N, C-alpha and C. Protein backbone atom coordinates (compact mmCIF):
# COMPACT_ATOMS: atom_id res chain seq x y z
N MET A 1 -8.69 -6.94 14.28
CA MET A 1 -9.22 -7.40 12.63
C MET A 1 -10.22 -8.13 13.41
N VAL A 2 -10.72 -8.29 13.74
CA VAL A 2 -11.71 -8.85 13.89
C VAL A 2 -12.84 -9.23 12.79
N GLY A 3 -13.11 -10.17 12.17
CA GLY A 3 -13.81 -10.29 10.96
C GLY A 3 -13.03 -10.10 9.15
N VAL A 4 -12.11 -9.68 9.66
CA VAL A 4 -11.09 -8.86 8.23
C VAL A 4 -10.87 -10.63 7.27
N ILE A 5 -10.98 -10.54 6.07
CA ILE A 5 -10.67 -11.78 5.52
C ILE A 5 -9.92 -11.31 4.12
N HIS A 6 -9.70 -10.39 4.30
CA HIS A 6 -8.60 -9.86 3.18
C HIS A 6 -7.51 -9.30 3.76
N SER A 7 -6.02 -9.38 3.22
CA SER A 7 -5.03 -8.84 3.69
C SER A 7 -4.73 -7.46 4.04
N PRO A 8 -4.22 -6.71 4.82
CA PRO A 8 -4.12 -5.19 4.77
C PRO A 8 -3.66 -4.55 3.12
N ALA A 9 -2.57 -5.27 2.97
CA ALA A 9 -1.66 -5.15 1.97
C ALA A 9 -3.22 -4.90 0.49
N ASP A 10 -3.62 -6.61 0.59
CA ASP A 10 -4.79 -5.96 -0.53
C ASP A 10 -5.51 -4.99 -0.51
N ILE A 11 -6.52 -4.82 0.71
CA ILE A 11 -7.44 -3.92 1.22
C ILE A 11 -6.51 -2.42 0.86
N VAL A 12 -5.09 -1.92 0.66
CA VAL A 12 -4.55 -0.76 0.53
C VAL A 12 -3.76 -0.89 -1.27
N ARG A 13 -3.93 -2.66 -1.81
CA ARG A 13 -4.16 -2.37 -3.00
C ARG A 13 -4.83 -1.43 -3.42
N ARG A 14 -6.10 -2.08 -3.20
CA ARG A 14 -7.46 -1.48 -4.30
C ARG A 14 -7.54 0.19 -3.78
N ALA A 15 -7.40 0.55 -2.06
CA ALA A 15 -7.52 2.23 -2.25
C ALA A 15 -6.32 2.31 -3.00
N LEU A 16 -4.85 2.25 -3.26
CA LEU A 16 -4.34 3.15 -4.63
C LEU A 16 -4.81 3.55 -5.64
N ILE A 17 -5.68 2.33 -6.64
CA ILE A 17 -6.20 2.07 -7.37
C ILE A 17 -7.39 3.00 -7.97
N ALA A 18 -8.18 2.81 -5.99
CA ALA A 18 -9.39 3.71 -6.10
C ALA A 18 -8.87 4.88 -6.13
N LEU A 19 -8.25 5.74 -5.92
CA LEU A 19 -7.57 7.00 -5.81
C LEU A 19 -6.68 7.40 -7.13
N ASN A 20 -6.42 6.63 -8.07
CA ASN A 20 -6.29 7.03 -9.30
C ASN A 20 -4.45 6.95 -9.18
N LEU A 21 -3.54 6.41 -8.56
CA LEU A 21 -2.66 6.72 -8.25
C LEU A 21 -1.87 5.15 -8.55
N GLY A 22 -2.91 4.24 -9.46
CA GLY A 22 -2.43 2.76 -10.05
C GLY A 22 -3.69 2.40 -10.70
N SER A 23 -3.09 1.28 -11.31
CA SER A 23 -4.16 0.45 -12.36
C SER A 23 -3.72 -0.90 -11.66
N ASN A 24 -5.31 -1.41 -12.04
CA ASN A 24 -5.47 -2.64 -11.46
C ASN A 24 -4.85 -4.18 -13.09
N PRO A 25 -3.59 -4.34 -12.57
CA PRO A 25 -3.59 -4.89 -13.49
C PRO A 25 -3.75 -5.94 -14.30
N ASP A 26 -4.97 -5.97 -14.25
CA ASP A 26 -6.08 -6.68 -14.79
C ASP A 26 -6.57 -6.08 -16.38
N ALA A 27 -6.56 -5.11 -16.00
CA ALA A 27 -7.36 -3.96 -17.02
C ALA A 27 -6.23 -3.65 -17.96
N ALA A 28 -6.46 -3.07 -18.96
CA ALA A 28 -5.32 -2.91 -20.22
C ALA A 28 -4.92 -1.90 -19.63
N GLY A 29 -4.08 -1.42 -19.79
CA GLY A 29 -3.44 -0.16 -19.16
C GLY A 29 -2.17 0.52 -20.58
N GLY A 30 -2.19 1.56 -20.91
CA GLY A 30 -1.05 2.08 -21.73
C GLY A 30 0.02 2.52 -21.31
N PRO A 31 0.78 3.30 -21.80
CA PRO A 31 1.95 3.57 -21.44
C PRO A 31 2.24 4.18 -20.28
N GLY A 32 1.49 4.80 -19.64
CA GLY A 32 1.40 5.67 -18.94
C GLY A 32 0.82 5.05 -16.79
N ALA A 33 0.28 3.96 -17.45
CA ALA A 33 -0.29 2.74 -15.95
C ALA A 33 0.70 2.61 -15.36
N TRP A 34 0.72 3.09 -14.00
CA TRP A 34 0.99 1.54 -12.74
C TRP A 34 0.63 0.57 -11.91
N PRO A 35 0.73 -0.40 -12.95
CA PRO A 35 -0.57 -1.50 -12.22
C PRO A 35 0.11 -1.28 -10.74
N VAL A 36 -0.92 -1.91 -9.86
CA VAL A 36 -0.70 -2.33 -8.29
C VAL A 36 -0.94 -3.68 -8.39
N TYR A 37 0.51 -4.58 -7.43
CA TYR A 37 0.16 -5.50 -6.87
C TYR A 37 0.36 -5.82 -5.74
N CYS A 38 -0.14 -6.91 -4.91
CA CYS A 38 -0.48 -7.38 -4.03
C CYS A 38 0.80 -8.85 -3.99
N ASP A 39 1.36 -8.45 -2.79
CA ASP A 39 2.68 -9.78 -2.75
C ASP A 39 2.71 -10.56 -4.39
N ASP A 40 3.00 -9.48 -5.07
CA ASP A 40 3.38 -9.78 -6.42
C ASP A 40 4.62 -9.14 -7.28
N GLU A 41 5.71 -9.15 -7.86
CA GLU A 41 6.16 -8.10 -8.49
C GLU A 41 6.78 -8.82 -10.05
N PRO A 42 6.46 -9.16 -11.36
CA PRO A 42 6.24 -9.06 -12.29
C PRO A 42 7.61 -8.40 -13.35
N ASN A 43 8.21 -9.16 -13.72
CA ASN A 43 9.49 -8.26 -14.03
C ASN A 43 8.99 -6.76 -15.67
N THR A 44 8.01 -7.40 -15.94
CA THR A 44 7.83 -6.26 -16.52
C THR A 44 6.28 -5.45 -16.46
N PRO A 45 6.00 -5.00 -16.19
CA PRO A 45 6.70 -3.57 -16.80
C PRO A 45 7.63 -3.20 -15.75
N ASP A 46 8.67 -1.95 -16.08
CA ASP A 46 9.71 -1.45 -15.15
C ASP A 46 8.16 -0.67 -14.53
N ASN A 47 8.08 0.23 -14.61
CA ASN A 47 7.25 1.32 -13.75
C ASN A 47 6.25 -0.02 -13.15
N ILE A 48 6.30 -0.23 -11.73
CA ILE A 48 4.69 -1.28 -11.13
C ILE A 48 4.73 -0.35 -9.71
N ILE A 49 3.66 -0.64 -8.61
CA ILE A 49 3.19 -0.35 -7.53
C ILE A 49 3.20 -2.05 -7.03
N ALA A 50 4.09 -2.46 -5.88
CA ALA A 50 3.99 -3.60 -5.30
C ALA A 50 3.33 -3.19 -3.62
N VAL A 51 2.25 -4.07 -3.62
CA VAL A 51 2.49 -3.69 -1.87
C VAL A 51 2.29 -5.45 -0.87
N HIS A 52 2.49 -4.76 -0.39
CA HIS A 52 3.34 -6.75 0.82
C HIS A 52 2.63 -6.19 2.02
N ASP A 53 2.40 -7.28 2.70
CA ASP A 53 1.85 -7.37 4.24
C ASP A 53 3.68 -7.30 4.84
N THR A 54 3.49 -6.33 6.30
CA THR A 54 4.97 -6.72 7.14
C THR A 54 4.44 -6.98 8.24
N SER A 55 5.50 -6.82 9.28
CA SER A 55 5.87 -6.64 10.57
C SER A 55 4.46 -6.02 11.23
N ASP A 56 3.75 -6.80 12.27
CA ASP A 56 2.64 -5.68 12.74
C ASP A 56 3.45 -4.37 13.80
N GLY A 57 3.07 -3.56 13.95
CA GLY A 57 4.03 -2.13 14.67
C GLY A 57 2.66 -2.47 16.66
N VAL A 58 3.10 -2.54 17.51
CA VAL A 58 2.71 -2.26 18.81
C VAL A 58 2.97 -0.91 19.17
N GLU A 59 2.05 -0.35 19.22
CA GLU A 59 1.88 1.17 19.60
C GLU A 59 1.34 1.03 21.41
N GLY A 60 1.30 2.05 22.37
CA GLY A 60 0.53 2.33 23.56
C GLY A 60 -0.64 2.62 22.76
N GLY A 61 -1.86 1.89 23.52
CA GLY A 61 -3.06 2.59 23.47
C GLY A 61 -3.86 2.88 24.60
N ARG A 62 -4.43 2.57 25.07
CA ARG A 62 -4.91 3.25 26.18
C ARG A 62 -4.02 3.57 27.36
N VAL A 63 -2.94 4.70 27.37
CA VAL A 63 -1.86 4.50 28.62
C VAL A 63 -2.37 4.10 29.34
N MET A 64 -3.53 4.54 30.02
CA MET A 64 -3.13 4.54 31.74
C MET A 64 -4.33 3.61 32.18
N GLN A 65 -4.15 2.39 31.11
CA GLN A 65 -4.67 1.17 31.48
C GLN A 65 -3.81 0.15 31.43
N GLY A 66 -2.70 0.04 30.72
CA GLY A 66 -1.30 0.00 30.06
C GLY A 66 -1.49 -0.61 29.06
N GLU A 67 -2.27 -1.02 27.95
CA GLU A 67 -2.75 -1.86 26.75
C GLU A 67 -1.80 -1.17 26.08
N GLU A 68 -1.70 -2.41 25.25
CA GLU A 68 -1.24 -2.02 23.78
C GLU A 68 -1.58 -2.17 22.48
N ILE A 69 -1.71 -1.61 21.51
CA ILE A 69 -2.92 -1.73 20.74
C ILE A 69 -1.33 -2.40 18.88
N GLU A 70 -2.21 -3.60 18.85
CA GLU A 70 -1.07 -4.19 18.12
C GLU A 70 -1.98 -3.64 16.31
N TYR A 71 -0.71 -3.10 15.21
CA TYR A 71 -1.69 -2.77 13.79
C TYR A 71 -0.98 -3.27 12.72
N PRO A 72 -1.68 -4.16 11.83
CA PRO A 72 -0.62 -4.58 10.75
C PRO A 72 0.22 -3.61 10.28
N GLY A 73 0.83 -4.19 9.03
CA GLY A 73 2.42 -3.67 9.12
C GLY A 73 2.47 -3.59 7.38
N VAL A 74 2.07 -2.80 6.22
CA VAL A 74 2.70 -2.79 4.33
C VAL A 74 3.18 -2.26 4.29
N GLN A 75 4.18 -2.21 3.83
CA GLN A 75 5.11 -1.69 2.86
C GLN A 75 4.63 -1.65 1.20
N VAL A 76 4.45 -0.22 0.79
CA VAL A 76 4.52 0.11 -0.80
C VAL A 76 5.66 0.41 -1.37
N LYS A 77 5.81 -0.75 -2.22
CA LYS A 77 7.02 -0.74 -2.99
C LYS A 77 7.04 -0.40 -4.54
N VAL A 78 7.55 0.94 -4.70
CA VAL A 78 7.61 1.78 -6.02
C VAL A 78 8.77 1.24 -7.14
N ARG A 79 8.58 0.64 -7.97
CA ARG A 79 10.13 0.40 -8.73
C ARG A 79 9.63 1.34 -10.30
N ALA A 80 10.69 2.15 -10.51
CA ALA A 80 10.36 2.93 -12.31
C ALA A 80 12.07 2.63 -12.78
N LYS A 81 11.97 2.86 -14.13
CA LYS A 81 12.61 2.72 -14.70
C LYS A 81 14.24 3.76 -14.58
N ASP A 82 13.48 5.05 -13.83
CA ASP A 82 14.07 6.41 -13.37
C ASP A 82 13.77 6.76 -11.69
N HIS A 83 15.33 7.05 -11.22
CA HIS A 83 14.86 7.75 -10.13
C HIS A 83 13.68 9.29 -9.99
N PRO A 84 13.95 10.25 -10.92
CA PRO A 84 12.91 11.27 -10.67
C PRO A 84 11.34 10.76 -11.15
N THR A 85 11.50 9.62 -11.91
CA THR A 85 9.77 8.85 -11.97
C THR A 85 9.36 8.22 -10.46
N CYS A 86 10.41 7.97 -10.18
CA CYS A 86 10.23 6.87 -8.88
C CYS A 86 9.95 7.68 -7.63
N TYR A 87 10.90 8.51 -7.09
CA TYR A 87 10.04 9.56 -6.88
C TYR A 87 9.03 10.14 -6.80
N ALA A 88 8.64 10.70 -7.91
CA ALA A 88 7.25 11.11 -7.81
C ALA A 88 6.39 11.05 -7.87
N LYS A 89 6.33 9.23 -7.96
CA LYS A 89 5.54 8.49 -7.93
C LYS A 89 5.42 8.33 -6.35
N ALA A 90 6.40 8.01 -5.58
CA ALA A 90 6.96 8.10 -4.35
C ALA A 90 6.08 8.35 -3.28
N SER A 91 6.02 10.04 -3.63
CA SER A 91 6.18 11.25 -3.48
C SER A 91 4.47 11.35 -2.93
N ALA A 92 3.58 11.16 -4.51
CA ALA A 92 2.96 11.03 -4.61
C ALA A 92 1.79 10.23 -3.60
N ILE A 93 2.15 8.96 -3.80
CA ILE A 93 1.66 7.85 -2.93
C ILE A 93 1.41 8.06 -1.38
N GLY A 94 2.64 8.56 -0.88
CA GLY A 94 3.19 9.09 0.31
C GLY A 94 1.79 10.11 1.13
N ASP A 95 1.71 10.85 -0.07
CA ASP A 95 1.37 12.70 0.71
C ASP A 95 -0.21 11.73 0.51
N ALA A 96 -1.01 10.87 -0.28
CA ALA A 96 -2.50 10.85 -0.41
C ALA A 96 -2.62 9.65 0.73
N LEU A 97 -1.97 8.45 0.89
CA LEU A 97 -2.11 8.14 1.70
C LEU A 97 -1.93 8.56 3.53
N GLN A 98 -0.68 8.73 3.81
CA GLN A 98 -0.96 10.25 4.53
C GLN A 98 -2.20 10.89 4.93
N ASP A 99 -2.57 11.22 3.87
CA ASP A 99 -3.61 12.59 4.61
C ASP A 99 -5.19 11.29 4.93
N LEU A 100 -5.18 10.01 3.78
CA LEU A 100 -6.24 9.24 4.40
C LEU A 100 -6.75 8.88 5.37
N VAL A 101 -8.28 9.02 6.27
CA VAL A 101 -8.49 8.85 7.12
C VAL A 101 -10.05 8.32 6.72
N ARG A 102 -10.45 7.03 7.65
CA ARG A 102 -11.61 7.07 7.28
C ARG A 102 -12.07 6.56 5.58
N ALA A 103 -10.97 5.93 5.16
CA ALA A 103 -11.86 5.94 3.30
C ALA A 103 -12.03 4.44 3.20
N GLN A 104 -13.36 4.06 3.11
CA GLN A 104 -14.28 3.26 2.52
C GLN A 104 -13.32 2.64 1.41
N VAL A 105 -13.17 1.12 1.68
CA VAL A 105 -12.25 0.36 -0.03
C VAL A 105 -13.28 -0.92 0.48
N THR A 106 -13.60 -0.78 -0.85
CA THR A 106 -14.32 -2.29 -1.10
C THR A 106 -13.28 -3.73 -1.87
N MET A 107 -14.39 -4.89 -1.57
CA MET A 107 -13.04 -5.49 -1.77
C MET A 107 -13.82 -6.56 -2.69
N PRO A 108 -13.87 -7.07 -3.92
CA PRO A 108 -15.35 -7.63 -4.79
C PRO A 108 -14.88 -9.22 -4.62
N THR A 109 -13.99 -9.94 -4.14
CA THR A 109 -14.17 -11.08 -3.48
C THR A 109 -14.37 -11.61 -2.39
N PRO A 110 -14.82 -12.87 -1.50
CA PRO A 110 -15.77 -13.51 -2.65
C PRO A 110 -16.92 -12.92 -2.66
N GLU A 111 -17.46 -11.70 -1.49
CA GLU A 111 -18.31 -11.06 -2.48
C GLU A 111 -18.03 -9.62 -2.03
N ALA A 112 -19.17 -8.67 -2.29
CA ALA A 112 -18.03 -7.43 -1.95
C ALA A 112 -18.45 -6.83 -1.14
N THR A 113 -17.65 -7.28 0.06
CA THR A 113 -16.62 -6.90 1.02
C THR A 113 -16.34 -5.50 1.21
N VAL A 114 -16.95 -4.77 2.13
CA VAL A 114 -16.43 -3.15 2.49
C VAL A 114 -15.71 -2.94 4.10
N TYR A 115 -14.30 -2.49 3.26
CA TYR A 115 -14.00 -2.44 4.60
C TYR A 115 -13.58 -0.72 5.09
N LEU A 116 -12.93 -0.09 6.42
CA LEU A 116 -13.08 1.25 6.41
C LEU A 116 -11.63 0.94 7.11
N LEU A 117 -10.73 1.59 6.30
CA LEU A 117 -9.10 1.96 5.97
C LEU A 117 -9.39 3.07 7.17
N ALA A 118 -8.89 3.09 8.43
CA ALA A 118 -9.15 4.15 9.15
C ALA A 118 -8.28 5.13 9.00
N TRP A 119 -6.73 4.43 9.14
CA TRP A 119 -5.93 5.47 9.31
C TRP A 119 -4.54 4.94 8.98
N MET A 120 -3.41 5.52 8.11
CA MET A 120 -2.33 5.28 7.79
C MET A 120 -1.06 5.88 8.46
N LYS A 121 -0.58 4.99 9.02
CA LYS A 121 0.77 6.06 9.79
C LYS A 121 1.85 5.71 9.35
N ARG A 122 2.78 6.48 8.33
CA ARG A 122 3.68 6.62 7.86
C ARG A 122 4.74 6.48 8.25
N ARG A 123 6.32 5.85 7.84
CA ARG A 123 7.09 5.60 8.28
C ARG A 123 8.09 6.33 7.58
N PRO A 124 9.65 6.55 7.96
CA PRO A 124 9.97 7.19 6.74
C PRO A 124 10.39 6.28 5.53
N PHE A 125 10.40 7.10 4.47
CA PHE A 125 10.78 6.70 3.09
C PHE A 125 11.87 6.24 3.59
N GLY A 126 12.43 4.88 2.85
CA GLY A 126 13.42 4.01 2.58
C GLY A 126 13.65 3.65 0.47
N TYR A 127 15.37 4.75 0.92
CA TYR A 127 15.53 4.61 -1.01
C TYR A 127 16.29 2.53 -0.90
N VAL A 128 15.95 1.69 -1.43
CA VAL A 128 16.55 0.75 -1.42
C VAL A 128 17.83 0.68 -2.72
N GLY A 129 17.71 1.69 -3.75
CA GLY A 129 18.66 1.54 -4.59
C GLY A 129 18.30 0.87 -5.95
N LYS A 130 19.05 0.31 -6.78
CA LYS A 130 18.80 -0.03 -8.26
C LYS A 130 18.84 -1.39 -7.84
N GLU A 131 18.47 -1.94 -8.34
CA GLU A 131 18.08 -3.71 -8.35
C GLU A 131 19.17 -3.56 -9.36
N LYS A 132 20.10 -4.63 -9.12
CA LYS A 132 21.11 -5.13 -9.47
C LYS A 132 20.60 -6.81 -9.52
N PRO A 133 21.74 -7.33 -10.79
CA PRO A 133 23.15 -7.08 -11.44
C PRO A 133 22.32 -6.14 -12.85
N VAL A 134 21.43 -6.58 -13.36
CA VAL A 134 20.64 -6.47 -14.86
C VAL A 134 19.97 -5.12 -14.72
N SER A 135 19.10 -5.09 -13.99
CA SER A 135 17.78 -3.76 -15.08
C SER A 135 17.90 -2.46 -14.28
N ARG A 136 19.06 -2.42 -13.30
CA ARG A 136 19.05 -0.80 -12.65
C ARG A 136 17.98 -0.27 -12.33
N ARG A 137 16.63 -0.46 -12.04
CA ARG A 137 15.21 0.04 -12.01
C ARG A 137 15.50 0.59 -10.50
N ASN A 138 14.80 1.28 -9.84
CA ASN A 138 15.01 2.05 -9.37
C ASN A 138 14.20 1.42 -8.06
N ILE A 139 13.88 1.79 -6.65
CA ILE A 139 12.71 1.64 -5.71
C ILE A 139 13.38 2.05 -5.25
N ILE A 140 11.66 2.63 -4.21
CA ILE A 140 11.63 3.34 -3.11
C ILE A 140 11.15 2.59 -2.31
N THR A 141 10.92 2.51 -0.87
CA THR A 141 9.61 1.54 -0.60
C THR A 141 9.17 2.90 0.94
N ILE A 142 8.04 2.95 1.19
CA ILE A 142 7.44 3.42 2.35
C ILE A 142 6.37 2.38 3.17
N ASN A 143 6.67 2.78 4.22
CA ASN A 143 5.82 1.67 5.34
C ASN A 143 4.72 2.06 6.22
N TYR A 144 4.21 2.16 6.60
CA TYR A 144 2.88 2.15 7.26
C TYR A 144 2.64 1.12 8.22
N TYR A 145 2.12 1.52 9.23
CA TYR A 145 1.16 0.86 9.69
C TYR A 145 -0.43 1.06 9.44
N VAL A 146 -1.70 0.17 9.76
CA VAL A 146 -2.70 0.77 9.19
C VAL A 146 -3.56 0.09 10.36
N SER A 147 -4.52 0.49 10.26
CA SER A 147 -5.88 0.48 10.77
C SER A 147 -6.79 0.25 9.90
N VAL A 148 -7.47 -1.09 10.32
CA VAL A 148 -8.36 -1.62 8.88
C VAL A 148 -9.49 -2.41 10.08
N ARG A 149 -11.01 -1.97 9.54
CA ARG A 149 -11.64 -2.89 9.89
C ARG A 149 -12.42 -3.33 8.96
N LEU A 150 -13.95 -3.49 9.06
CA LEU A 150 -15.03 -4.04 8.60
C LEU A 150 -15.98 -2.95 8.23
N ASP A 151 -16.26 -2.89 7.58
CA ASP A 151 -17.59 -0.95 6.99
C ASP A 151 -19.02 -1.36 7.40
N VAL A 152 -19.58 -1.51 8.94
CA VAL A 152 -20.55 -1.93 9.18
C VAL A 152 -21.62 -1.23 9.67
N ALA A 153 -21.82 0.29 9.20
CA ALA A 153 -22.39 1.28 9.23
C ALA A 153 -23.78 1.09 8.90
């Protein structure tokens, strides 16, 4: 990830907003809004999407040369008041990101930096269950390995 100055989780967060799967938490959102956070999970509202950097994954690269390629890990966490809403949003995100190939993502700071989100490899859904002891909100996680690079087209 030479030259990458933003975290992969923040880049994926911007991609989710650009795909209209969630909204910028700084913008005014109505009752159906799904704010997307990077490395943060505020207590309100109930329905949120949180994206976190996770452990990198290693996969065989050029097998004949014995090289391994390391990919950053990203977790997309969907939280909702009820299970059907949570599952529907997680499924929509899973489908959209799985099909994402060579997507340009623009990060606004420190200057307009454009990344190429080359691909995302999804691992199985994880149904975490309900937050306890008080809220009982549902949580589903989706884990990915990603390929991110500066877009110098």
